[in-house]
PDB file of all heavy atoms in Angstrom:
ATOM      1  N   ARG A   1      15.498  16.155 -94.412  1.00  0.00           N
ATOM      2  CA  ARG A   1      14.727  15.494 -93.325  1.00  0.00           C
ATOM      3  C   ARG A   1      13.541  14.746 -94.076  1.00  0.00           C
ATOM      4  O   ARG A   1      12.904  15.257 -94.953  1.00  0.00           O
ATOM      5  CB  ARG A   1      14.136  16.469 -92.374  1.00  0.00           C
ATOM      6  CG  ARG A   1      15.183  17.185 -91.483  1.00  0.00           C
ATOM      7  CD  ARG A   1      14.529  17.998 -90.347  1.00  0.00           C
ATOM      8  NE  ARG A   1      13.662  18.978 -90.855  1.00  0.00           N
ATOM      9  CZ  ARG A   1      12.332  18.984 -90.553  1.00  0.00           C
ATOM     10  NH1 ARG A   1      11.840  18.053 -89.762  1.00  0.00           N
ATOM     11  NH2 ARG A   1      11.590  19.995 -91.006  1.00  0.00           N
ATOM     12  N   ILE A   2      13.416  13.475 -93.633  1.00  0.00           N
ATOM     13  CA  ILE A   2      12.286  12.684 -94.186  1.00  0.00           C
ATOM     14  C   ILE A   2      11.519  11.961 -93.122  1.00  0.00           C
ATOM     15  O   ILE A   2      12.104  11.766 -91.990  1.00  0.00           O
ATOM     16  CB  ILE A   2      12.833  11.649 -95.193  1.00  0.00           C
ATOM     17  CG1 ILE A   2      13.729  10.688 -94.543  1.00  0.00           C
ATOM     18  CG2 ILE A   2      13.576  12.288 -96.351  1.00  0.00           C
ATOM     19  CD1 ILE A   2      14.253   9.488 -95.498  1.00  0.00           C
ATOM     20  N   VAL A   3      10.347  11.599 -93.377  1.00  0.00           N
ATOM     21  CA  VAL A   3       9.479  10.696 -92.546  1.00  0.00           C
ATOM     22  C   VAL A   3       9.306   9.434 -93.328  1.00  0.00           C
ATOM     23  O   VAL A   3       8.974   9.447 -94.514  1.00  0.00           O
ATOM     24  CB  VAL A   3       8.142  11.316 -92.201  1.00  0.00           C
ATOM     25  CG1 VAL A   3       7.277  10.351 -91.475  1.00  0.00           C
ATOM     26  CG2 VAL A   3       8.326  12.583 -91.358  1.00  0.00           C
ATOM     27  N   CYS A   4       9.532   8.269 -92.690  1.00  0.00           N
ATOM     28  CA  CYS A   4       9.408   6.952 -93.321  1.00  0.00           C
ATOM     29  C   CYS A   4       8.272   6.220 -92.708  1.00  0.00           C
ATOM     30  O   CYS A   4       8.063   6.166 -91.498  1.00  0.00           O
ATOM     31  CB  CYS A   4      10.736   6.155 -93.167  1.00  0.00           C
ATOM     32  SG  CYS A   4      12.165   7.020 -93.798  1.00  0.00           S
ATOM     33  N   GLY A   5       7.504   5.506 -93.523  1.00  0.00           N
ATOM     34  CA  GLY A   5       6.344   4.787 -93.030  1.00  0.00           C
ATOM     35  C   GLY A   5       6.041   3.623 -94.007  1.00  0.00           C
ATOM     36  O   GLY A   5       6.759   3.292 -94.961  1.00  0.00           O
ATOM     37  N   PHE A   6       4.926   2.987 -93.700  1.00  0.00           N
ATOM     38  CA  PHE A   6       4.478   1.801 -94.522  1.00  0.00           C
ATOM     39  C   PHE A   6       3.001   1.815 -94.583  1.00  0.00           C
ATOM     40  O   PHE A   6       2.284   2.364 -93.740  1.00  0.00           O
ATOM     41  CB  PHE A   6       5.002   0.502 -93.864  1.00  0.00           C
ATOM     42  CG  PHE A   6       4.214   0.117 -92.566  1.00  0.00           C
ATOM     43  CD1 PHE A   6       3.174  -0.740 -92.618  1.00  0.00           C
ATOM     44  CD2 PHE A   6       4.648   0.571 -91.355  1.00  0.00           C
ATOM     45  CE1 PHE A   6       2.485  -1.067 -91.469  1.00  0.00           C
ATOM     46  CE2 PHE A   6       3.987   0.299 -90.217  1.00  0.00           C
ATOM     47  CZ  PHE A   6       2.904  -0.575 -90.322  1.00  0.00           C
ATOM     48  N   LEU A   7       2.542   1.171 -95.655  1.00  0.00           N
ATOM     49  CA  LEU A   7       1.133   0.854 -95.824  1.00  0.00           C
ATOM     50  C   LEU A   7       1.107  -0.700 -96.112  1.00  0.00           C
ATOM     51  O   LEU A   7       2.128  -1.278 -96.526  1.00  0.00           O
ATOM     52  CB  LEU A   7       0.499   1.539 -96.979  1.00  0.00           C
ATOM     53  CG  LEU A   7       0.355   3.022 -96.821  1.00  0.00           C
ATOM     54  CD1 LEU A   7      -0.027   3.696 -98.137  1.00  0.00           C
ATOM     55  CD2 LEU A   7      -0.715   3.346 -95.743  1.00  0.00           C
ATOM     56  N   GLY A   8      -0.022  -1.342 -95.853  1.00  0.00           N
ATOM     57  CA  GLY A   8      -0.039  -2.810 -96.148  1.00  0.00           C
ATOM     58  C   GLY A   8      -1.470  -3.284 -96.044  1.00  0.00           C
ATOM     59  O   GLY A   8      -2.375  -2.625 -95.692  1.00  0.00           O
ATOM     60  N   ASN A   9      -1.593  -4.495 -96.605  1.00  0.00           N
ATOM     61  CA  ASN A   9      -2.937  -5.207 -96.521  1.00  0.00           C
ATOM     62  C   ASN A   9      -2.644  -6.679 -96.536  1.00  0.00           C
ATOM     63  O   ASN A   9      -1.540  -7.169 -96.538  1.00  0.00           O
ATOM     64  CB  ASN A   9      -3.852  -4.786 -97.647  1.00  0.00           C
ATOM     65  CG  ASN A   9      -3.403  -5.365 -99.009  1.00  0.00           C
ATOM     66  OD1 ASN A   9      -2.378  -6.026 -99.142  1.00  0.00           O
ATOM     67  ND2 ASN A   9      -4.205  -5.135-100.056  1.00  0.00           N
ATOM     68  N   GLU A  10      -3.765  -7.457 -96.395  1.00  0.00           N
ATOM     69  CA  GLU A  10      -3.639  -8.851 -96.209  1.00  0.00           C
ATOM     70  C   GLU A  10      -4.063  -9.684 -97.406  1.00  0.00           C
ATOM     71  O   GLU A  10      -4.185 -10.936 -97.328  1.00  0.00           O
ATOM     72  CB  GLU A  10      -4.532  -9.292 -94.955  1.00  0.00           C
ATOM     73  CG  GLU A  10      -4.081  -8.769 -93.676  1.00  0.00           C
ATOM     74  CD  GLU A  10      -2.585  -9.111 -93.329  1.00  0.00           C
ATOM     75  OE1 GLU A  10      -2.238 -10.289 -93.589  1.00  0.00           O
ATOM     76  OE2 GLU A  10      -1.876  -8.221 -92.842  1.00  0.00           O
ATOM     77  N   THR A  11      -4.349  -9.067 -98.558  1.00  0.00           N
ATOM     78  CA  THR A  11      -4.792  -9.813 -99.735  1.00  0.00           C
ATOM     79  C   THR A  11      -3.642 -10.532-100.378  1.00  0.00           C
ATOM     80  O   THR A  11      -2.700  -9.928-100.827  1.00  0.00           O
ATOM     81  CB  THR A  11      -5.345  -8.822-100.808  1.00  0.00           C
ATOM     82  OG1 THR A  11      -6.376  -8.030-100.202  1.00  0.00           O
ATOM     83  CG2 THR A  11      -5.934  -9.578-102.019  1.00  0.00           C
ATOM     84  N   PRO A  12      -3.708 -11.903-100.392  1.00  0.00           N
ATOM     85  CA  PRO A  12      -2.635 -12.698-101.036  1.00  0.00           C
ATOM     86  C   PRO A  12      -2.465 -12.325-102.457  1.00  0.00           C
ATOM     87  O   PRO A  12      -3.504 -12.270-103.223  1.00  0.00           O
ATOM     88  CB  PRO A  12      -3.073 -14.127-100.809  1.00  0.00           C
ATOM     89  CG  PRO A  12      -4.103 -14.065 -99.746  1.00  0.00           C
ATOM     90  CD  PRO A  12      -4.798 -12.753 -99.802  1.00  0.00           C
ATOM     91  N   GLY A  13      -1.291 -12.059-102.961  1.00  0.00           N
ATOM     92  CA  GLY A  13      -1.024 -11.858-104.330  1.00  0.00           C
ATOM     93  C   GLY A  13      -1.758 -10.620-104.868  1.00  0.00           C
ATOM     94  O   GLY A  13      -2.320 -10.660-105.989  1.00  0.00           O
ATOM     95  N   ASP A  14      -1.821  -9.548-104.165  1.00  0.00           N
ATOM     96  CA  ASP A  14      -2.606  -8.374-104.539  1.00  0.00           C
ATOM     97  C   ASP A  14      -2.262  -7.956-105.949  1.00  0.00           C
ATOM     98  O   ASP A  14      -1.116  -7.554-106.230  1.00  0.00           O
ATOM     99  CB  ASP A  14      -2.345  -7.232-103.535  1.00  0.00           C
ATOM    100  CG  ASP A  14      -3.353  -6.153-103.763  1.00  0.00           C
ATOM    101  OD1 ASP A  14      -3.366  -5.466-104.734  1.00  0.00           O
ATOM    102  OD2 ASP A  14      -4.222  -5.945-102.790  1.00  0.00           O
ATOM    103  N   THR A  15      -3.246  -8.007-106.848  1.00  0.00           N
ATOM    104  CA  THR A  15      -3.029  -7.734-108.244  1.00  0.00           C
ATOM    105  C   THR A  15      -2.635  -6.330-108.527  1.00  0.00           C
ATOM    106  O   THR A  15      -1.623  -6.080-109.317  1.00  0.00           O
ATOM    107  CB  THR A  15      -4.311  -8.078-109.040  1.00  0.00           C
ATOM    108  OG1 THR A  15      -4.604  -9.453-108.897  1.00  0.00           O
ATOM    109  CG2 THR A  15      -4.111  -7.796-110.511  1.00  0.00           C
ATOM    110  N   LEU A  16      -3.271  -5.377-107.898  1.00  0.00           N
ATOM    111  CA  LEU A  16      -2.882  -3.963-108.185  1.00  0.00           C
ATOM    112  C   LEU A  16      -1.449  -3.737-107.838  1.00  0.00           C
ATOM    113  O   LEU A  16      -0.703  -3.080-108.650  1.00  0.00           O
ATOM    114  CB  LEU A  16      -3.812  -2.997-107.347  1.00  0.00           C
ATOM    115  CG  LEU A  16      -3.453  -1.565-107.520  1.00  0.00           C
ATOM    116  CD1 LEU A  16      -3.590  -1.097-108.947  1.00  0.00           C
ATOM    117  CD2 LEU A  16      -4.422  -0.698-106.661  1.00  0.00           C
ATOM    118  N   LEU A  17      -1.000  -4.174-106.725  1.00  0.00           N
ATOM    119  CA  LEU A  17       0.426  -3.912-106.279  1.00  0.00           C
ATOM    120  C   LEU A  17       1.395  -4.549-107.274  1.00  0.00           C
ATOM    121  O   LEU A  17       2.438  -3.951-107.606  1.00  0.00           O
ATOM    122  CB  LEU A  17       0.713  -4.480-104.908  1.00  0.00           C
ATOM    123  CG  LEU A  17      -0.039  -3.765-103.751  1.00  0.00           C
ATOM    124  CD1 LEU A  17       0.328  -4.379-102.409  1.00  0.00           C
ATOM    125  CD2 LEU A  17       0.182  -2.285-103.719  1.00  0.00           C
ATOM    126  N   SER A  18       1.043  -5.737-107.799  1.00  0.00           N
ATOM    127  CA  SER A  18       2.008  -6.445-108.694  1.00  0.00           C
ATOM    128  C   SER A  18       2.105  -5.738-110.077  1.00  0.00           C
ATOM    129  O   SER A  18       3.096  -5.873-110.750  1.00  0.00           O
ATOM    130  CB  SER A  18       1.498  -7.896-108.879  1.00  0.00           C
ATOM    131  OG  SER A  18       0.286  -7.948-109.578  1.00  0.00           O
ATOM    132  N   PHE A  19       1.088  -4.937-110.465  1.00  0.00           N
ATOM    133  CA  PHE A  19       1.118  -4.265-111.729  1.00  0.00           C
ATOM    134  C   PHE A  19       1.588  -2.838-111.697  1.00  0.00           C
ATOM    135  O   PHE A  19       1.828  -2.212-112.724  1.00  0.00           O
ATOM    136  CB  PHE A  19      -0.303  -4.243-112.377  1.00  0.00           C
ATOM    137  CG  PHE A  19      -0.657  -5.598-113.043  1.00  0.00           C
ATOM    138  CD1 PHE A  19      -1.426  -6.556-112.457  1.00  0.00           C
ATOM    139  CD2 PHE A  19      -0.104  -5.863-114.332  1.00  0.00           C
ATOM    140  CE1 PHE A  19      -1.736  -7.724-113.112  1.00  0.00           C
ATOM    141  CE2 PHE A  19      -0.438  -7.058-114.941  1.00  0.00           C
ATOM    142  CZ  PHE A  19      -1.232  -7.978-114.404  1.00  0.00           C
ATOM    143  N   LEU A  20       1.759  -2.308-110.506  1.00  0.00           N
ATOM    144  CA  LEU A  20       2.334  -0.932-110.376  1.00  0.00           C
ATOM    145  C   LEU A  20       3.800  -0.945-110.628  1.00  0.00           C
ATOM    146  O   LEU A  20       4.495  -1.936-110.372  1.00  0.00           O
ATOM    147  CB  LEU A  20       1.989  -0.403-109.035  1.00  0.00           C
ATOM    148  CG  LEU A  20       0.565  -0.015-108.713  1.00  0.00           C
ATOM    149  CD1 LEU A  20       0.369   0.322-107.253  1.00  0.00           C
ATOM    150  CD2 LEU A  20       0.040   1.081-109.595  1.00  0.00           C
ATOM    151  N   PRO A  21       4.326   0.226-111.052  1.00  0.00           N
ATOM    152  CA  PRO A  21       5.848   0.301-111.232  1.00  0.00           C
ATOM    153  C   PRO A  21       6.457   0.248-109.884  1.00  0.00           C
ATOM    154  O   PRO A  21       5.830   0.396-108.795  1.00  0.00           O
ATOM    155  CB  PRO A  21       5.974   1.681-111.872  1.00  0.00           C
ATOM    156  CG  PRO A  21       4.775   2.437-111.500  1.00  0.00           C
ATOM    157  CD  PRO A  21       3.622   1.506-111.403  1.00  0.00           C
ATOM    158  N   PRO A  22       7.832   0.003-109.801  1.00  0.00           N
ATOM    159  CA  PRO A  22       8.519  -0.177-108.568  1.00  0.00           C
ATOM    160  C   PRO A  22       8.497   1.086-107.667  1.00  0.00           C
ATOM    161  O   PRO A  22       8.585   1.043-106.448  1.00  0.00           O
ATOM    162  CB  PRO A  22       9.942  -0.518-108.902  1.00  0.00           C
ATOM    163  CG  PRO A  22       9.877  -0.892-110.364  1.00  0.00           C
ATOM    164  CD  PRO A  22       8.682  -0.294-110.924  1.00  0.00           C
ATOM    165  N   VAL A  23       8.328   2.258-108.279  1.00  0.00           N
ATOM    166  CA  VAL A  23       8.379   3.530-107.581  1.00  0.00           C
ATOM    167  C   VAL A  23       7.283   4.430-108.119  1.00  0.00           C
ATOM    168  O   VAL A  23       7.096   4.477-109.316  1.00  0.00           O
ATOM    169  CB  VAL A  23       9.717   4.305-107.686  1.00  0.00           C
ATOM    170  CG1 VAL A  23       9.704   5.508-106.777  1.00  0.00           C
ATOM    171  CG2 VAL A  23      10.862   3.394-107.232  1.00  0.00           C
ATOM    172  N   LEU A  24       6.547   5.057-107.207  1.00  0.00           N
ATOM    173  CA  LEU A  24       5.578   6.113-107.635  1.00  0.00           C
ATOM    174  C   LEU A  24       6.063   7.409-106.889  1.00  0.00           C
ATOM    175  O   LEU A  24       6.270   7.348-105.654  1.00  0.00           O
ATOM    176  CB  LEU A  24       4.162   5.801-107.121  1.00  0.00           C
ATOM    177  CG  LEU A  24       3.469   4.538-107.861  1.00  0.00           C
ATOM    178  CD1 LEU A  24       2.154   4.218-107.182  1.00  0.00           C
ATOM    179  CD2 LEU A  24       3.225   4.872-109.348  1.00  0.00           C
ATOM    180  N   ARG A  25       6.160   8.468-107.613  1.00  0.00           N
ATOM    181  CA  ARG A  25       6.464   9.793-107.005  1.00  0.00           C
ATOM    182  C   ARG A  25       5.232  10.727-107.067  1.00  0.00           C
ATOM    183  O   ARG A  25       4.678  10.856-108.149  1.00  0.00           O
ATOM    184  CB  ARG A  25       7.690  10.362-107.733  1.00  0.00           C
ATOM    185  CG  ARG A  25       8.085  11.780-107.154  1.00  0.00           C
ATOM    186  CD  ARG A  25       9.323  12.298-107.765  1.00  0.00           C
ATOM    187  NE  ARG A  25       9.234  12.433-109.191  1.00  0.00           N
ATOM    188  CZ  ARG A  25      10.295  12.797-109.968  1.00  0.00           C
ATOM    189  NH1 ARG A  25      11.417  13.049-109.419  1.00  0.00           N
ATOM    190  NH2 ARG A  25      10.152  12.883-111.297  1.00  0.00           N
ATOM    191  N   LEU A  26       4.989  11.320-105.993  1.00  0.00           N
ATOM    192  CA  LEU A  26       3.790  12.211-105.954  1.00  0.00           C
ATOM    193  C   LEU A  26       4.309  13.586-105.456  1.00  0.00           C
ATOM    194  O   LEU A  26       4.868  13.669-104.463  1.00  0.00           O
ATOM    195  CB  LEU A  26       2.748  11.665-104.983  1.00  0.00           C
ATOM    196  CG  LEU A  26       1.482  12.532-104.863  1.00  0.00           C
ATOM    197  CD1 LEU A  26       0.687  12.525-106.187  1.00  0.00           C
ATOM    198  CD2 LEU A  26       0.555  11.892-103.813  1.00  0.00           C
ATOM    199  N   ASP A  27       3.995  14.658-106.275  1.00  0.00           N
ATOM    200  CA  ASP A  27       4.361  15.979-105.859  1.00  0.00           C
ATOM    201  C   ASP A  27       3.192  16.512-105.106  1.00  0.00           C
ATOM    202  O   ASP A  27       2.217  16.976-105.609  1.00  0.00           O
ATOM    203  CB  ASP A  27       4.553  16.808-107.175  1.00  0.00           C
ATOM    204  CG  ASP A  27       5.004  18.185-106.892  1.00  0.00           C
ATOM    205  OD1 ASP A  27       5.175  18.529-105.686  1.00  0.00           O
ATOM    206  OD2 ASP A  27       5.176  19.006-107.840  1.00  0.00           O
ATOM    207  N   VAL A  28       3.379  16.510-103.822  1.00  0.00           N
ATOM    208  CA  VAL A  28       2.272  16.904-102.909  1.00  0.00           C
ATOM    209  C   VAL A  28       1.751  18.278-103.193  1.00  0.00           C
ATOM    210  O   VAL A  28       0.533  18.497-103.288  1.00  0.00           O
ATOM    211  CB  VAL A  28       2.655  16.711-101.411  1.00  0.00           C
ATOM    212  CG1 VAL A  28       1.551  17.187-100.526  1.00  0.00           C
ATOM    213  CG2 VAL A  28       2.971  15.214-101.167  1.00  0.00           C
ATOM    214  N   PRO A  29       2.640  19.314-103.276  1.00  0.00           N
ATOM    215  CA  PRO A  29       2.055  20.672-103.442  1.00  0.00           C
ATOM    216  C   PRO A  29       1.719  21.056-104.864  1.00  0.00           C
ATOM    217  O   PRO A  29       1.727  22.185-105.259  1.00  0.00           O
ATOM    218  CB  PRO A  29       3.221  21.600-102.940  1.00  0.00           C
ATOM    219  CG  PRO A  29       4.414  20.824-102.976  1.00  0.00           C
ATOM    220  CD  PRO A  29       4.065  19.357-103.186  1.00  0.00           C
ATOM    221  N   GLU A  30       1.224  20.049-105.666  1.00  0.00           N
ATOM    222  CA  GLU A  30       0.980  20.316-107.073  1.00  0.00           C
ATOM    223  C   GLU A  30      -0.269  21.163-107.289  1.00  0.00           C
ATOM    224  O   GLU A  30      -0.388  21.880-108.228  1.00  0.00           O
ATOM    225  CB  GLU A  30       0.876  18.994-107.821  1.00  0.00           C
ATOM    226  CG  GLU A  30       0.790  19.076-109.284  1.00  0.00           C
ATOM    227  CD  GLU A  30       0.935  17.741-109.973  1.00  0.00           C
ATOM    228  OE1 GLU A  30       1.989  17.081-109.759  1.00  0.00           O
ATOM    229  OE2 GLU A  30      -0.034  17.317-110.540  1.00  0.00           O
ATOM    230  N   ASP A  31      -1.307  21.027-106.459  1.00  0.00           N
ATOM    231  CA  ASP A  31      -2.513  21.765-106.612  1.00  0.00           C
ATOM    232  C   ASP A  31      -3.087  22.126-105.250  1.00  0.00           C
ATOM    233  O   ASP A  31      -2.418  21.968-104.238  1.00  0.00           O
ATOM    234  CB  ASP A  31      -3.593  20.931-107.407  1.00  0.00           C
ATOM    235  CG  ASP A  31      -3.741  19.560-106.815  1.00  0.00           C
ATOM    236  OD1 ASP A  31      -3.543  19.379-105.578  1.00  0.00           O
ATOM    237  OD2 ASP A  31      -4.071  18.625-107.626  1.00  0.00           O
ATOM    238  N   HIS A  32      -4.323  22.593-105.227  1.00  0.00           N
ATOM    239  CA  HIS A  32      -4.962  23.091-103.948  1.00  0.00           C
ATOM    240  C   HIS A  32      -5.112  21.956-103.005  1.00  0.00           C
ATOM    241  O   HIS A  32      -4.889  22.098-101.821  1.00  0.00           O
ATOM    242  CB  HIS A  32      -6.275  23.810-104.224  1.00  0.00           C
ATOM    243  CG  HIS A  32      -6.097  25.115-104.938  1.00  0.00           C
ATOM    244  ND1 HIS A  32      -5.383  26.181-104.461  1.00  0.00           N
ATOM    245  CD2 HIS A  32      -6.606  25.532-106.144  1.00  0.00           C
ATOM    246  CE1 HIS A  32      -5.424  27.135-105.316  1.00  0.00           C
ATOM    247  NE2 HIS A  32      -6.120  26.792-106.349  1.00  0.00           N
ATOM    248  N   THR A  33      -5.493  20.778-103.558  1.00  0.00           N
ATOM    249  CA  THR A  33      -5.640  19.637-102.697  1.00  0.00           C
ATOM    250  C   THR A  33      -4.303  19.235-102.059  1.00  0.00           C
ATOM    251  O   THR A  33      -4.142  18.950-100.918  1.00  0.00           O
ATOM    252  CB  THR A  33      -6.182  18.431-103.467  1.00  0.00           C
ATOM    253  OG1 THR A  33      -7.474  18.768-103.999  1.00  0.00           O
ATOM    254  CG2 THR A  33      -6.305  17.244-102.570  1.00  0.00           C
ATOM    255  N   GLY A  34      -3.241  19.357-102.929  1.00  0.00           N
ATOM    256  CA  GLY A  34      -1.900  19.060-102.457  1.00  0.00           C
ATOM    257  C   GLY A  34      -1.438  19.976-101.327  1.00  0.00           C
ATOM    258  O   GLY A  34      -0.746  19.612-100.443  1.00  0.00           O
ATOM    259  N   GLU A  35      -1.866  21.245-101.432  1.00  0.00           N
ATOM    260  CA  GLU A  35      -1.485  22.187-100.392  1.00  0.00           C
ATOM    261  C   GLU A  35      -2.061  21.831 -99.041  1.00  0.00           C
ATOM    262  O   GLU A  35      -1.399  21.909 -98.032  1.00  0.00           O
ATOM    263  CB  GLU A  35      -1.927  23.618-100.786  1.00  0.00           C
ATOM    264  CG  GLU A  35      -1.158  24.174-101.964  1.00  0.00           C
ATOM    265  CD  GLU A  35      -1.786  25.472-102.440  1.00  0.00           C
ATOM    266  OE1 GLU A  35      -2.737  25.985-101.797  1.00  0.00           O
ATOM    267  OE2 GLU A  35      -1.304  26.048-103.424  1.00  0.00           O
ATOM    268  N   TRP A  36      -3.330  21.343 -99.125  1.00  0.00           N
ATOM    269  CA  TRP A  36      -3.972  20.866 -97.855  1.00  0.00           C
ATOM    270  C   TRP A  36      -3.235  19.639 -97.351  1.00  0.00           C
ATOM    271  O   TRP A  36      -3.006  19.523 -96.143  1.00  0.00           O
ATOM    272  CB  TRP A  36      -5.425  20.565 -98.113  1.00  0.00           C
ATOM    273  CG  TRP A  36      -6.073  19.868 -96.940  1.00  0.00           C
ATOM    274  CD1 TRP A  36      -6.571  20.466 -95.838  1.00  0.00           C
ATOM    275  CD2 TRP A  36      -6.301  18.434 -96.812  1.00  0.00           C
ATOM    276  NE1 TRP A  36      -7.055  19.486 -94.999  1.00  0.00           N
ATOM    277  CE2 TRP A  36      -6.914  18.254 -95.586  1.00  0.00           C
ATOM    278  CE3 TRP A  36      -6.004  17.329 -97.618  1.00  0.00           C
ATOM    279  CZ2 TRP A  36      -7.256  16.930 -95.106  1.00  0.00           C
ATOM    280  CZ3 TRP A  36      -6.369  16.100 -97.178  1.00  0.00           C
ATOM    281  CH2 TRP A  36      -6.958  15.905 -95.955  1.00  0.00           C
ATOM    282  N   ILE A  37      -2.914  18.718 -98.207  1.00  0.00           N
ATOM    283  CA  ILE A  37      -2.221  17.489 -97.787  1.00  0.00           C
ATOM    284  C   ILE A  37      -0.895  17.840 -97.153  1.00  0.00           C
ATOM    285  O   ILE A  37      -0.546  17.296 -96.082  1.00  0.00           O
ATOM    286  CB  ILE A  37      -1.994  16.552 -99.014  1.00  0.00           C
ATOM    287  CG1 ILE A  37      -3.372  15.937 -99.467  1.00  0.00           C
ATOM    288  CG2 ILE A  37      -1.011  15.434 -98.688  1.00  0.00           C
ATOM    289  CD1 ILE A  37      -3.257  15.150-100.705  1.00  0.00           C
ATOM    290  N   GLU A  38      -0.134  18.788 -97.799  1.00  0.00           N
ATOM    291  CA  GLU A  38       1.141  19.129 -97.268  1.00  0.00           C
ATOM    292  C   GLU A  38       1.085  19.728 -95.905  1.00  0.00           C
ATOM    293  O   GLU A  38       1.812  19.379 -94.955  1.00  0.00           O
ATOM    294  CB  GLU A  38       1.882  20.038 -98.215  1.00  0.00           C
ATOM    295  CG  GLU A  38       3.315  20.401 -97.768  1.00  0.00           C
ATOM    296  CD  GLU A  38       4.021  21.366 -98.654  1.00  0.00           C
ATOM    297  OE1 GLU A  38       3.360  21.947 -99.535  1.00  0.00           O
ATOM    298  OE2 GLU A  38       5.225  21.551 -98.460  1.00  0.00           O
ATOM    299  N   SER A  39       0.121  20.631 -95.746  1.00  0.00           N
ATOM    300  CA  SER A  39      -0.046  21.306 -94.411  1.00  0.00           C
ATOM    301  C   SER A  39      -0.417  20.335 -93.284  1.00  0.00           C
ATOM    302  O   SER A  39       0.067  20.403 -92.245  1.00  0.00           O
ATOM    303  CB  SER A  39      -1.008  22.478 -94.533  1.00  0.00           C
ATOM    304  OG  SER A  39      -2.301  21.987 -94.838  1.00  0.00           O
ATOM    305  N   THR A  40      -1.323  19.363 -93.687  1.00  0.00           N
ATOM    306  CA  THR A  40      -1.725  18.373 -92.717  1.00  0.00           C
ATOM    307  C   THR A  40      -0.556  17.497 -92.301  1.00  0.00           C
ATOM    308  O   THR A  40      -0.311  17.150 -91.185  1.00  0.00           O
ATOM    309  CB  THR A  40      -2.912  17.534 -93.300  1.00  0.00           C
ATOM    310  OG1 THR A  40      -3.950  18.354 -93.719  1.00  0.00           O
ATOM    311  CG2 THR A  40      -3.357  16.537 -92.271  1.00  0.00           C
ATOM    312  N   PHE A  41       0.200  17.053 -93.395  1.00  0.00           N
ATOM    313  CA  PHE A  41       1.353  16.225 -93.098  1.00  0.00           C
ATOM    314  C   PHE A  41       2.386  16.937 -92.177  1.00  0.00           C
ATOM    315  O   PHE A  41       2.884  16.374 -91.215  1.00  0.00           O
ATOM    316  CB  PHE A  41       2.021  15.917 -94.451  1.00  0.00           C
ATOM    317  CG  PHE A  41       2.584  14.485 -94.502  1.00  0.00           C
ATOM    318  CD1 PHE A  41       2.212  13.606 -95.461  1.00  0.00           C
ATOM    319  CD2 PHE A  41       3.584  14.084 -93.591  1.00  0.00           C
ATOM    320  CE1 PHE A  41       2.747  12.374 -95.559  1.00  0.00           C
ATOM    321  CE2 PHE A  41       4.103  12.811 -93.659  1.00  0.00           C
ATOM    322  CZ  PHE A  41       3.701  11.954 -94.656  1.00  0.00           C
ATOM    323  N   ARG A  42       2.596  18.200 -92.413  1.00  0.00           N
ATOM    324  CA  ARG A  42       3.563  18.940 -91.623  1.00  0.00           C
ATOM    325  C   ARG A  42       3.081  19.161 -90.197  1.00  0.00           C
ATOM    326  O   ARG A  42       3.842  18.995 -89.235  1.00  0.00           O
ATOM    327  CB  ARG A  42       3.834  20.269 -92.273  1.00  0.00           C
ATOM    328  CG  ARG A  42       4.706  20.170 -93.529  1.00  0.00           C
ATOM    329  CD  ARG A  42       5.037  21.523 -94.191  1.00  0.00           C
ATOM    330  NE  ARG A  42       5.931  21.379 -95.267  1.00  0.00           N
ATOM    331  CZ  ARG A  42       7.247  21.224 -95.224  1.00  0.00           C
ATOM    332  NH1 ARG A  42       7.788  21.130 -94.009  1.00  0.00           N
ATOM    333  NH2 ARG A  42       7.956  20.993 -96.225  1.00  0.00           N
ATOM    334  N   PHE A  43       1.842  19.402 -90.082  1.00  0.00           N
ATOM    335  CA  PHE A  43       1.258  19.664 -88.696  1.00  0.00           C
ATOM    336  C   PHE A  43       1.365  18.335 -87.870  1.00  0.00           C
ATOM    337  O   PHE A  43       1.826  18.313 -86.732  1.00  0.00           O
ATOM    338  CB  PHE A  43      -0.224  20.012 -88.811  1.00  0.00           C
ATOM    339  CG  PHE A  43      -0.951  20.125 -87.497  1.00  0.00           C
ATOM    340  CD1 PHE A  43      -0.730  21.232 -86.637  1.00  0.00           C
ATOM    341  CD2 PHE A  43      -1.759  19.018 -87.084  1.00  0.00           C
ATOM    342  CE1 PHE A  43      -1.427  21.258 -85.433  1.00  0.00           C
ATOM    343  CE2 PHE A  43      -2.379  19.135 -85.824  1.00  0.00           C
ATOM    344  CZ  PHE A  43      -2.226  20.217 -84.992  1.00  0.00           C
ATOM    345  N   ALA A  44       0.904  17.229 -88.505  1.00  0.00           N
ATOM    346  CA  ALA A  44       1.009  15.944 -87.719  1.00  0.00           C
ATOM    347  C   ALA A  44       2.395  15.499 -87.531  1.00  0.00           C
ATOM    348  O   ALA A  44       2.724  14.971 -86.404  1.00  0.00           O
ATOM    349  CB  ALA A  44       0.191  14.875 -88.555  1.00  0.00           C
TER     350      ALA A  44
END
């Protein structure tokens, strides 16, 4: 089961986005902050 979404902005030619790799993977439950993020994500 997955949830799909998007983020976006209006900056033409955004430099940061152009220099990032094509995929970023984030292990949400990696630390205590991640545990809070995961529980919030699941609740919402």
